[in-house]
Amino acid sequence: MRLSPEQQHAIHRAVVETFGPESGVWLFGSRTDDSARGGDIDLLIDTPMRDPDRIVQAEIALRARLEAELGEQKIDLLVDYPGRRRHPPIFQVAREEGIPL
């Protein structure tokens, strides 16, 4: 995994503080490959929040928090809204190949 322990901790802490303590976060994509170079930080967020407006607010707060913690970096967020009937295939890839933080 191409995130330092400090970066991993900062991401996990920011997710818990913005989406709640029962939320989960997975790193997926090129940053999981130690032999790769560069690449954005791809994160899947699983939240118990039910209200779409609160989820959007939490996502905005998380983006701001991660930029403050990690500096300006390309970060892609997938947020798994509870009750969503269909997910794009990337959600399955993120869950199967992702690394929990």
PDB file of N, CA and C in Angstrom:
ATOM      1  N   MET A   1       0.848  -1.181   0.000  1.00  0.00           N
ATOM      2  CA  MET A   1       0.000   0.000   0.000  1.00  0.00           C
ATOM      3  C   MET A   1       0.889   1.238   0.000  1.00  0.00           C
ATOM      4  N   ARG A   2       0.549   2.156  -0.885  1.00  0.00           N
ATOM      5  CA  ARG A   2       1.368   3.356  -0.998  1.00  0.00           C
ATOM      6  C   ARG A   2       0.733   4.543  -0.283  1.00  0.00           C
ATOM      7  N   LEU A   3       0.453   4.316   0.997  1.00  0.00           N
ATOM      8  CA  LEU A   3       0.078   5.387   1.923  1.00  0.00           C
ATOM      9  C   LEU A   3       0.875   5.150   3.191  1.00  0.00           C
ATOM     10  N   SER A   4       1.399   6.197   3.749  1.00  0.00           N
ATOM     11  CA  SER A   4       2.141   6.060   5.000  1.00  0.00           C
ATOM     12  C   SER A   4       1.167   5.716   6.128  1.00  0.00           C
ATOM     13  N   PRO A   5       1.679   5.152   7.222  1.00  0.00           N
ATOM     14  CA  PRO A   5       0.793   4.911   8.372  1.00  0.00           C
ATOM     15  C   PRO A   5       0.102   6.191   8.852  1.00  0.00           C
ATOM     16  N   GLU A   6       0.790   7.313   8.768  1.00  0.00           N
ATOM     17  CA  GLU A   6       0.196   8.579   9.181  1.00  0.00           C
ATOM     18  C   GLU A   6      -0.960   8.973   8.255  1.00  0.00           C
ATOM     19  N   GLN A   7      -0.773   8.775   6.953  1.00  0.00           N
ATOM     20  CA  GLN A   7      -1.836   9.070   5.998  1.00  0.00           C
ATOM     21  C   GLN A   7      -3.039   8.145   6.220  1.00  0.00           C
ATOM     22  N   GLN A   8      -2.767   6.871   6.443  1.00  0.00           N
ATOM     23  CA  GLN A   8      -3.844   5.905   6.701  1.00  0.00           C
ATOM     24  C   GLN A   8      -4.647   6.329   7.928  1.00  0.00           C
ATOM     25  N   HIS A   9      -3.946   6.675   8.980  1.00  0.00           N
ATOM     26  CA  HIS A   9      -4.609   7.082  10.218  1.00  0.00           C
ATOM     27  C   HIS A   9      -5.411   8.364  10.006  1.00  0.00           C
ATOM     28  N   ALA A  10      -4.848   9.317   9.288  1.00  0.00           N
ATOM     29  CA  ALA A  10      -5.543  10.584   9.034  1.00  0.00           C
ATOM     30  C   ALA A  10      -6.828  10.352   8.238  1.00  0.00           C
ATOM     31  N   ILE A  11      -6.773   9.476   7.246  1.00  0.00           N
ATOM     32  CA  ILE A  11      -7.956   9.175   6.436  1.00  0.00           C
ATOM     33  C   ILE A  11      -9.015   8.501   7.295  1.00  0.00           C
ATOM     34  N   HIS A  12      -8.613   7.475   8.039  1.00  0.00           N
ATOM     35  CA  HIS A  12      -9.567   6.756   8.880  1.00  0.00           C
ATOM     36  C   HIS A  12     -10.222   7.692   9.896  1.00  0.00           C
ATOM     37  N   ARG A  13      -9.420   8.489  10.560  1.00  0.00           N
ATOM     38  CA  ARG A  13      -9.931   9.424  11.559  1.00  0.00           C
ATOM     39  C   ARG A  13     -10.907  10.421  10.931  1.00  0.00           C
ATOM     40  N   ALA A  14     -10.560  10.947   9.762  1.00  0.00           N
ATOM     41  CA  ALA A  14     -11.427  11.923   9.092  1.00  0.00           C
ATOM     42  C   ALA A  14     -12.762  11.292   8.696  1.00  0.00           C
ATOM     43  N   VAL A  15     -12.732  10.047   8.225  1.00  0.00           N
ATOM     44  CA  VAL A  15     -13.974   9.362   7.849  1.00  0.00           C
ATOM     45  C   VAL A  15     -14.851   9.147   9.076  1.00  0.00           C
ATOM     46  N   VAL A  16     -14.269   8.659  10.161  1.00  0.00           N
ATOM     47  CA  VAL A  16     -15.033   8.409  11.385  1.00  0.00           C
ATOM     48  C   VAL A  16     -15.625   9.707  11.929  1.00  0.00           C
ATOM     49  N   GLU A  17     -14.862  10.780  11.866  1.00  0.00           N
ATOM     50  CA  GLU A  17     -15.339  12.049  12.410  1.00  0.00           C
ATOM     51  C   GLU A  17     -16.372  12.735  11.524  1.00  0.00           C
ATOM     52  N   THR A  18     -16.387  12.444  10.230  1.00  0.00           N
ATOM     53  CA  THR A  18     -17.363  13.085   9.349  1.00  0.00           C
ATOM     54  C   THR A  18     -18.575  12.197   9.064  1.00  0.00           C
ATOM     55  N   PHE A  19     -18.358  10.881   8.949  1.00  0.00           N
ATOM     56  CA  PHE A  19     -19.451   9.976   8.625  1.00  0.00           C
ATOM     57  C   PHE A  19     -19.948   9.182   9.837  1.00  0.00           C
ATOM     58  N   GLY A  20     -19.228   9.234  10.935  1.00  0.00           N
ATOM     59  CA  GLY A  20     -19.666   8.525  12.137  1.00  0.00           C
ATOM     60  C   GLY A  20     -18.792   7.333  12.458  1.00  0.00           C
ATOM     61  N   PRO A  21     -18.796   6.900  13.728  1.00  0.00           N
ATOM     62  CA  PRO A  21     -17.888   5.846  14.188  1.00  0.00           C
ATOM     63  C   PRO A  21     -18.168   4.464  13.607  1.00  0.00           C
ATOM     64  N   GLU A  22     -19.343   4.255  13.040  1.00  0.00           N
ATOM     65  CA  GLU A  22     -19.651   2.948  12.452  1.00  0.00           C
ATOM     66  C   GLU A  22     -19.352   2.907  10.958  1.00  0.00           C
ATOM     67  N   SER A  23     -18.762   3.955  10.438  1.00  0.00           N
ATOM     68  CA  SER A  23     -18.426   4.016   9.018  1.00  0.00           C
ATOM     69  C   SER A  23     -17.163   3.215   8.740  1.00  0.00           C
ATOM     70  N   GLY A  24     -17.048   2.770   7.509  1.00  0.00           N
ATOM     71  CA  GLY A  24     -15.855   2.055   7.076  1.00  0.00           C
ATOM     72  C   GLY A  24     -15.242   2.752   5.879  1.00  0.00           C
ATOM     73  N   VAL A  25     -13.951   2.514   5.681  1.00  0.00           N
ATOM     74  CA  VAL A  25     -13.256   3.106   4.534  1.00  0.00           C
ATOM     75  C   VAL A  25     -12.268   2.090   3.979  1.00  0.00           C
ATOM     76  N   TRP A  26     -12.251   1.969   2.646  1.00  0.00           N
ATOM     77  CA  TRP A  26     -11.341   1.078   1.940  1.00  0.00           C
ATOM     78  C   TRP A  26     -10.550   1.876   0.921  1.00  0.00           C
ATOM     79  N   LEU A  27      -9.275   1.582   0.840  1.00  0.00           N
ATOM     80  CA  LEU A  27      -8.417   2.112  -0.215  1.00  0.00           C
ATOM     81  C   LEU A  27      -8.439   1.105  -1.350  1.00  0.00           C
ATOM     82  N   PHE A  28      -8.649   1.582  -2.568  1.00  0.00           N
ATOM     83  CA  PHE A  28      -8.599   0.696  -3.726  1.00  0.00           C
ATOM     84  C   PHE A  28      -7.893   1.418  -4.863  1.00  0.00           C
ATOM     85  N   GLY A  29      -7.686   0.733  -5.942  1.00  0.00           N
ATOM     86  CA  GLY A  29      -7.037   1.342  -7.096  1.00  0.00           C
ATOM     87  C   GLY A  29      -5.523   1.224  -7.033  1.00  0.00           C
ATOM     88  N   SER A  30      -4.853   2.105  -7.759  1.00  0.00           N
ATOM     89  CA  SER A  30      -3.403   1.999  -7.941  1.00  0.00           C
ATOM     90  C   SER A  30      -2.614   2.151  -6.647  1.00  0.00           C
ATOM     91  N   ARG A  31      -3.157   2.845  -5.663  1.00  0.00           N
ATOM     92  CA  ARG A  31      -2.413   3.035  -4.407  1.00  0.00           C
ATOM     93  C   ARG A  31      -2.278   1.746  -3.594  1.00  0.00           C
ATOM     94  N   THR A  32      -3.021   0.706  -3.950  1.00  0.00           N
ATOM     95  CA  THR A  32      -2.873  -0.578  -3.253  1.00  0.00           C
ATOM     96  C   THR A  32      -1.711  -1.384  -3.823  1.00  0.00           C
ATOM     97  N   ASP A  33      -1.170  -0.955  -4.950  1.00  0.00           N
ATOM     98  CA  ASP A  33      -0.090  -1.667  -5.636  1.00  0.00           C
ATOM     99  C   ASP A  33       1.249  -1.016  -5.295  1.00  0.00           C
ATOM    100  N   ASP A  34       2.062  -1.734  -4.512  1.00  0.00           N
ATOM    101  CA  ASP A  34       3.353  -1.189  -4.088  1.00  0.00           C
ATOM    102  C   ASP A  34       4.319  -0.955  -5.243  1.00  0.00           C
ATOM    103  N   SER A  35       4.123  -1.641  -6.361  1.00  0.00           N
ATOM    104  CA  SER A  35       5.053  -1.491  -7.484  1.00  0.00           C
ATOM    105  C   SER A  35       4.649  -0.362  -8.433  1.00  0.00           C
ATOM    106  N   ALA A  36       3.458   0.189  -8.261  1.00  0.00           N
ATOM    107  CA  ALA A  36       2.997   1.274  -9.132  1.00  0.00           C
ATOM    108  C   ALA A  36       3.584   2.605  -8.664  1.00  0.00           C
ATOM    109  N   ARG A  37       3.395   3.616  -9.489  1.00  0.00           N
ATOM    110  CA  ARG A  37       3.859   4.957  -9.141  1.00  0.00           C
ATOM    111  C   ARG A  37       2.724   5.929  -9.354  1.00  0.00           C
ATOM    112  N   GLY A  38       2.738   7.004  -8.577  1.00  0.00           N
ATOM    113  CA  GLY A  38       1.734   8.048  -8.744  1.00  0.00           C
ATOM    114  C   GLY A  38       0.329   7.543  -8.458  1.00  0.00           C
ATOM    115  N   GLY A  39      -0.626   8.198  -9.045  1.00  0.00           N
ATOM    116  CA  GLY A  39      -2.015   7.791  -8.898  1.00  0.00           C
ATOM    117  C   GLY A  39      -2.742   8.563  -7.815  1.00  0.00           C
ATOM    118  N   ASP A  40      -4.036   8.644  -8.007  1.00  0.00           N
ATOM    119  CA  ASP A  40      -4.856   9.332  -7.024  1.00  0.00           C
ATOM    120  C   ASP A  40      -5.175   8.389  -5.867  1.00  0.00           C
ATOM    121  N   ILE A  41      -5.793   8.924  -4.858  1.00  0.00           N
ATOM    122  CA  ILE A  41      -6.202   8.137  -3.702  1.00  0.00           C
ATOM    123  C   ILE A  41      -7.682   7.814  -3.897  1.00  0.00           C
ATOM    124  N   ASP A  42      -7.978   6.537  -4.115  1.00  0.00           N
ATOM    125  CA  ASP A  42      -9.348   6.083  -4.336  1.00  0.00           C
ATOM    126  C   ASP A  42      -9.880   5.478  -3.048  1.00  0.00           C
ATOM    127  N   LEU A  43     -10.997   6.030  -2.553  1.00  0.00           N
ATOM    128  CA  LEU A  43     -11.569   5.569  -1.293  1.00  0.00           C
ATOM    129  C   LEU A  43     -13.030   5.207  -1.465  1.00  0.00           C
ATOM    130  N   LEU A  44     -13.415   4.092  -0.857  1.00  0.00           N
ATOM    131  CA  LEU A  44     -14.815   3.705  -0.752  1.00  0.00           C
ATOM    132  C   LEU A  44     -15.243   3.939   0.685  1.00  0.00           C
ATOM    133  N   ILE A  45     -16.321   4.682   0.858  1.00  0.00           N
ATOM    134  CA  ILE A  45     -16.848   4.991   2.188  1.00  0.00           C
ATOM    135  C   ILE A  45     -18.167   4.249   2.366  1.00  0.00           C
ATOM    136  N   ASP A  46     -18.270   3.501   3.454  1.00  0.00           N
ATOM    137  CA  ASP A  46     -19.510   2.821   3.816  1.00  0.00           C
ATOM    138  C   ASP A  46     -20.040   3.508   5.067  1.00  0.00           C
ATOM    139  N   THR A  47     -21.258   4.008   4.993  1.00  0.00           N
ATOM    140  CA  THR A  47     -21.809   4.787   6.111  1.00  0.00           C
ATOM    141  C   THR A  47     -23.171   4.261   6.533  1.00  0.00           C
ATOM    142  N   PRO A  48     -23.461   4.315   7.821  1.00  0.00           N
ATOM    143  CA  PRO A  48     -24.802   3.954   8.277  1.00  0.00           C
ATOM    144  C   PRO A  48     -25.799   5.114   8.145  1.00  0.00           C
ATOM    145  N   MET A  49     -25.322   6.298   7.736  1.00  0.00           N
ATOM    146  CA  MET A  49     -26.212   7.442   7.562  1.00  0.00           C
ATOM    147  C   MET A  49     -27.302   7.089   6.551  1.00  0.00           C
ATOM    148  N   ARG A  50     -28.507   7.566   6.779  1.00  0.00           N
ATOM    149  CA  ARG A  50     -29.634   7.283   5.889  1.00  0.00           C
ATOM    150  C   ARG A  50     -30.076   8.513   5.093  1.00  0.00           C
ATOM    151  N   ASP A  51     -29.867   9.687   5.637  1.00  0.00           N
ATOM    152  CA  ASP A  51     -30.339  10.920   5.018  1.00  0.00           C
ATOM    153  C   ASP A  51     -29.360  11.384   3.936  1.00  0.00           C
ATOM    154  N   PRO A  52     -29.798  11.407   2.672  1.00  0.00           N
ATOM    155  CA  PRO A  52     -28.895  11.816   1.584  1.00  0.00           C
ATOM    156  C   PRO A  52     -28.279  13.201   1.787  1.00  0.00           C
ATOM    157  N   ASP A  53     -29.033  14.140   2.353  1.00  0.00           N
ATOM    158  CA  ASP A  53     -28.494  15.483   2.583  1.00  0.00           C
ATOM    159  C   ASP A  53     -27.336  15.447   3.583  1.00  0.00           C
ATOM    160  N   ARG A  54     -27.477  14.661   4.641  1.00  0.00           N
ATOM    161  CA  ARG A  54     -26.400  14.532   5.625  1.00  0.00           C
ATOM    162  C   ARG A  54     -25.179  13.847   5.005  1.00  0.00           C
ATOM    163  N   ILE A  55     -25.421  12.876   4.131  1.00  0.00           N
ATOM    164  CA  ILE A  55     -24.312  12.179   3.483  1.00  0.00           C
ATOM    165  C   ILE A  55     -23.530  13.148   2.593  1.00  0.00           C
ATOM    166  N   VAL A  56     -24.251  13.969   1.844  1.00  0.00           N
ATOM    167  CA  VAL A  56     -23.589  14.953   0.978  1.00  0.00           C
ATOM    168  C   VAL A  56     -22.783  15.934   1.828  1.00  0.00           C
ATOM    169  N   GLN A  57     -23.358  16.407   2.932  1.00  0.00           N
ATOM    170  CA  GLN A  57     -22.641  17.323   3.833  1.00  0.00           C
ATOM    171  C   GLN A  57     -21.381  16.658   4.382  1.00  0.00           C
ATOM    172  N   ALA A  58     -21.490  15.387   4.761  1.00  0.00           N
ATOM    173  CA  ALA A  58     -20.335  14.665   5.295  1.00  0.00           C
ATOM    174  C   ALA A  58     -19.262  14.493   4.227  1.00  0.00           C
ATOM    175  N   GLU A  59     -19.675  14.229   2.996  1.00  0.00           N
ATOM    176  CA  GLU A  59     -18.706  14.070   1.913  1.00  0.00           C
ATOM    177  C   GLU A  59     -17.948  15.376   1.664  1.00  0.00           C
ATOM    178  N   ILE A  60     -18.643  16.484   1.676  1.00  0.00           N
ATOM    179  CA  ILE A  60     -18.003  17.795   1.495  1.00  0.00           C
ATOM    180  C   ILE A  60     -17.026  18.061   2.641  1.00  0.00           C
ATOM    181  N   ALA A  61     -17.465  17.774   3.862  1.00  0.00           N
ATOM    182  CA  ALA A  61     -16.598  17.978   5.028  1.00  0.00           C
ATOM    183  C   ALA A  61     -15.374  17.068   4.959  1.00  0.00           C
ATOM    184  N   LEU A  62     -15.571  15.833   4.505  1.00  0.00           N
ATOM    185  CA  LEU A  62     -14.443  14.901   4.394  1.00  0.00           C
ATOM    186  C   LEU A  62     -13.427  15.397   3.378  1.00  0.00           C
ATOM    187  N   ARG A  63     -13.895  15.850   2.238  1.00  0.00           N
ATOM    188  CA  ARG A  63     -12.964  16.354   1.213  1.00  0.00           C
ATOM    189  C   ARG A  63     -12.127  17.515   1.766  1.00  0.00           C
ATOM    190  N   ALA A  64     -12.758  18.432   2.452  1.00  0.00           N
ATOM    191  CA  ALA A  64     -12.041  19.573   3.029  1.00  0.00           C
ATOM    192  C   ALA A  64     -11.047  19.101   4.083  1.00  0.00           C
ATOM    193  N   ARG A  65     -11.480  18.176   4.901  1.00  0.00           N
ATOM    194  CA  ARG A  65     -10.621  17.652   5.965  1.00  0.00           C
ATOM    195  C   ARG A  65      -9.405  16.921   5.398  1.00  0.00           C
ATOM    196  N   LEU A  66      -9.630  16.091   4.372  1.00  0.00           N
ATOM    197  CA  LEU A  66      -8.513  15.353   3.776  1.00  0.00           C
ATOM    198  C   LEU A  66      -7.520  16.287   3.106  1.00  0.00           C
ATOM    199  N   GLU A  67      -8.008  17.332   2.471  1.00  0.00           N
ATOM    200  CA  GLU A  67      -7.085  18.289   1.860  1.00  0.00           C
ATOM    201  C   GLU A  67      -6.246  18.970   2.935  1.00  0.00           C
ATOM    202  N   ALA A  68      -6.860  19.317   4.057  1.00  0.00           N
ATOM    203  CA  ALA A  68      -6.126  19.944   5.157  1.00  0.00           C
ATOM    204  C   ALA A  68      -5.112  18.971   5.758  1.00  0.00           C
ATOM    205  N   GLU A  69      -5.481  17.710   5.884  1.00  0.00           N
ATOM    206  CA  GLU A  69      -4.612  16.704   6.514  1.00  0.00           C
ATOM    207  C   GLU A  69      -3.505  16.206   5.579  1.00  0.00           C
ATOM    208  N   LEU A  70      -3.862  15.973   4.299  1.00  0.00           N
ATOM    209  CA  LEU A  70      -2.931  15.321   3.370  1.00  0.00           C
ATOM    210  C   LEU A  70      -2.319  16.264   2.353  1.00  0.00           C
ATOM    211  N   GLY A  71      -2.795  17.492   2.318  1.00  0.00           N
ATOM    212  CA  GLY A  71      -2.329  18.418   1.296  1.00  0.00           C
ATOM    213  C   GLY A  71      -3.154  18.239   0.036  1.00  0.00           C
ATOM    214  N   GLU A  72      -2.849  19.034  -0.946  1.00  0.00           N
ATOM    215  CA  GLU A  72      -3.616  18.989  -2.193  1.00  0.00           C
ATOM    216  C   GLU A  72      -3.233  17.751  -2.989  1.00  0.00           C
ATOM    217  N   GLN A  73      -4.152  16.821  -3.052  1.00  0.00           N
ATOM    218  CA  GLN A  73      -3.961  15.575  -3.795  1.00  0.00           C
ATOM    219  C   GLN A  73      -5.270  15.225  -4.481  1.00  0.00           C
ATOM    220  N   LYS A  74      -5.172  14.443  -5.536  1.00  0.00           N
ATOM    221  CA  LYS A  74      -6.374  13.955  -6.214  1.00  0.00           C
ATOM    222  C   LYS A  74      -6.944  12.812  -5.391  1.00  0.00           C
ATOM    223  N   ILE A  75      -8.166  13.006  -4.888  1.00  0.00           N
ATOM    224  CA  ILE A  75      -8.835  11.990  -4.081  1.00  0.00           C
ATOM    225  C   ILE A  75     -10.198  11.718  -4.694  1.00  0.00           C
ATOM    226  N   ASP A  76     -10.439  10.455  -5.017  1.00  0.00           N
ATOM    227  CA  ASP A  76     -11.736  10.036  -5.540  1.00  0.00           C
ATOM    228  C   ASP A  76     -12.485   9.316  -4.437  1.00  0.00           C
ATOM    229  N   LEU A  77     -13.721   9.738  -4.199  1.00  0.00           N
ATOM    230  CA  LEU A  77     -14.554   9.126  -3.159  1.00  0.00           C
ATOM    231  C   LEU A  77     -15.736   8.416  -3.792  1.00  0.00           C
ATOM    232  N   LEU A  78     -15.946   7.183  -3.381  1.00  0.00           N
ATOM    233  CA  LEU A  78     -17.177   6.456  -3.666  1.00  0.00           C
ATOM    234  C   LEU A  78     -17.903   6.359  -2.341  1.00  0.00           C
ATOM    235  N   VAL A  79     -19.112   6.845  -2.292  1.00  0.00           N
ATOM    236  CA  VAL A  79     -19.873   6.772  -1.047  1.00  0.00           C
ATOM    237  C   VAL A  79     -21.044   5.830  -1.277  1.00  0.00           C
ATOM    238  N   ASP A  80     -21.114   4.789  -0.443  1.00  0.00           N
ATOM    239  CA  ASP A  80     -22.175   3.801  -0.552  1.00  0.00           C
ATOM    240  C   ASP A  80     -23.379   4.280   0.259  1.00  0.00           C
ATOM    241  N   TYR A  81     -24.336   4.873  -0.444  1.00  0.00           N
ATOM    242  CA  TYR A  81     -25.548   5.360   0.202  1.00  0.00           C
ATOM    243  C   TYR A  81     -26.408   4.165   0.598  1.00  0.00           C
ATOM    244  N   PRO A  82     -26.796   4.058   1.867  1.00  0.00           N
ATOM    245  CA  PRO A  82     -27.670   2.951   2.286  1.00  0.00           C
ATOM    246  C   PRO A  82     -28.976   2.958   1.491  1.00  0.00           C
ATOM    247  N   GLY A  83     -29.442   1.781   1.160  1.00  0.00           N
ATOM    248  CA  GLY A  83     -30.695   1.657   0.431  1.00  0.00           C
ATOM    249  C   GLY A  83     -30.554   1.795  -1.069  1.00  0.00           C
ATOM    250  N   ARG A  84     -29.367   2.050  -1.553  1.00  0.00           N
ATOM    251  CA  ARG A  84     -29.159   2.155  -2.998  1.00  0.00           C
ATOM    252  C   ARG A  84     -29.406   0.779  -3.611  1.00  0.00           C
ATOM    253  N   ARG A  85     -30.236   0.733  -4.606  1.00  0.00           N
ATOM    254  CA  ARG A  85     -30.597  -0.561  -5.201  1.00  0.00           C
ATOM    255  C   ARG A  85     -29.532  -1.109  -6.133  1.00  0.00           C
ATOM    256  N   ARG A  86     -28.984  -0.248  -6.936  1.00  0.00           N
ATOM    257  CA  ARG A  86     -27.969  -0.688  -7.894  1.00  0.00           C
ATOM    258  C   ARG A  86     -26.697   0.114  -7.690  1.00  0.00           C
ATOM    259  N   HIS A  87     -25.594  -0.569  -7.820  1.00  0.00           N
ATOM    260  CA  HIS A  87     -24.297   0.086  -7.718  1.00  0.00           C
ATOM    261  C   HIS A  87     -23.565  -0.091  -9.040  1.00  0.00           C
ATOM    262  N   PRO A  88     -22.822   0.910  -9.446  1.00  0.00           N
ATOM    263  CA  PRO A  88     -21.939   0.707 -10.594  1.00  0.00           C
ATOM    264  C   PRO A  88     -20.931  -0.391 -10.262  1.00  0.00           C
ATOM    265  N   PRO A  89     -20.385  -1.073 -11.252  1.00  0.00           N
ATOM    266  CA  PRO A  89     -19.436  -2.173 -11.006  1.00  0.00           C
ATOM    267  C   PRO A  89     -18.218  -1.778 -10.174  1.00  0.00           C
ATOM    268  N   ILE A  90     -17.839  -0.518 -10.188  1.00  0.00           N
ATOM    269  CA  ILE A  90     -16.661  -0.089  -9.431  1.00  0.00           C
ATOM    270  C   ILE A  90     -16.830  -0.355  -7.936  1.00  0.00           C
ATOM    271  N   PHE A  91     -18.055  -0.349  -7.438  1.00  0.00           N
ATOM    272  CA  PHE A  91     -18.282  -0.632  -6.020  1.00  0.00           C
ATOM    273  C   PHE A  91     -17.850  -2.052  -5.678  1.00  0.00           C
ATOM    274  N   GLN A  92     -18.178  -3.005  -6.538  1.00  0.00           N
ATOM    275  CA  GLN A  92     -17.785  -4.393  -6.298  1.00  0.00           C
ATOM    276  C   GLN A  92     -16.271  -4.542  -6.372  1.00  0.00           C
ATOM    277  N   VAL A  93     -15.656  -3.900  -7.332  1.00  0.00           N
ATOM    278  CA  VAL A  93     -14.192  -3.948  -7.458  1.00  0.00           C
ATOM    279  C   VAL A  93     -13.553  -3.370  -6.203  1.00  0.00           C
ATOM    280  N   ALA A  94     -14.051  -2.242  -5.728  1.00  0.00           N
ATOM    281  CA  ALA A  94     -13.490  -1.594  -4.541  1.00  0.00           C
ATOM    282  C   ALA A  94     -13.601  -2.507  -3.310  1.00  0.00           C
ATOM    283  N   ARG A  95     -14.722  -3.180  -3.170  1.00  0.00           N
ATOM    284  CA  ARG A  95     -14.907  -4.068  -2.015  1.00  0.00           C
ATOM    285  C   ARG A  95     -14.028  -5.320  -2.112  1.00  0.00           C
ATOM    286  N   GLU A  96     -13.900  -5.861  -3.325  1.00  0.00           N
ATOM    287  CA  GLU A  96     -13.134  -7.100  -3.498  1.00  0.00           C
ATOM    288  C   GLU A  96     -11.629  -6.878  -3.438  1.00  0.00           C
ATOM    289  N   GLU A  97     -11.183  -5.772  -4.005  1.00  0.00           N
ATOM    290  CA  GLU A  97      -9.744  -5.529  -4.116  1.00  0.00           C
ATOM    291  C   GLU A  97      -9.230  -4.489  -3.130  1.00  0.00           C
ATOM    292  N   GLY A  98     -10.143  -3.802  -2.453  1.00  0.00           N
ATOM    293  CA  GLY A  98      -9.742  -2.734  -1.544  1.00  0.00           C
ATOM    294  C   GLY A  98      -9.125  -3.250  -0.250  1.00  0.00           C
ATOM    295  N   ILE A  99      -8.425  -2.345   0.390  1.00  0.00           N
ATOM    296  CA  ILE A  99      -7.780  -2.612   1.684  1.00  0.00           C
ATOM    297  C   ILE A  99      -8.457  -1.747   2.731  1.00  0.00           C
ATOM    298  N   PRO A 100      -9.041  -2.367   3.768  1.00  0.00           N
ATOM    299  CA  PRO A 100      -9.671  -1.547   4.813  1.00  0.00           C
ATOM    300  C   PRO A 100      -8.637  -0.691   5.534  1.00  0.00           C
ATOM    301  N   LEU A 101      -9.001   0.537   5.828  1.00  0.00           N
ATOM    302  CA  LEU A 101      -8.107   1.416   6.602  1.00  0.00           C
ATOM    303  C   LEU A 101      -8.648   1.547   8.016  1.00  0.00           C
TER     304      LEU A 101
END
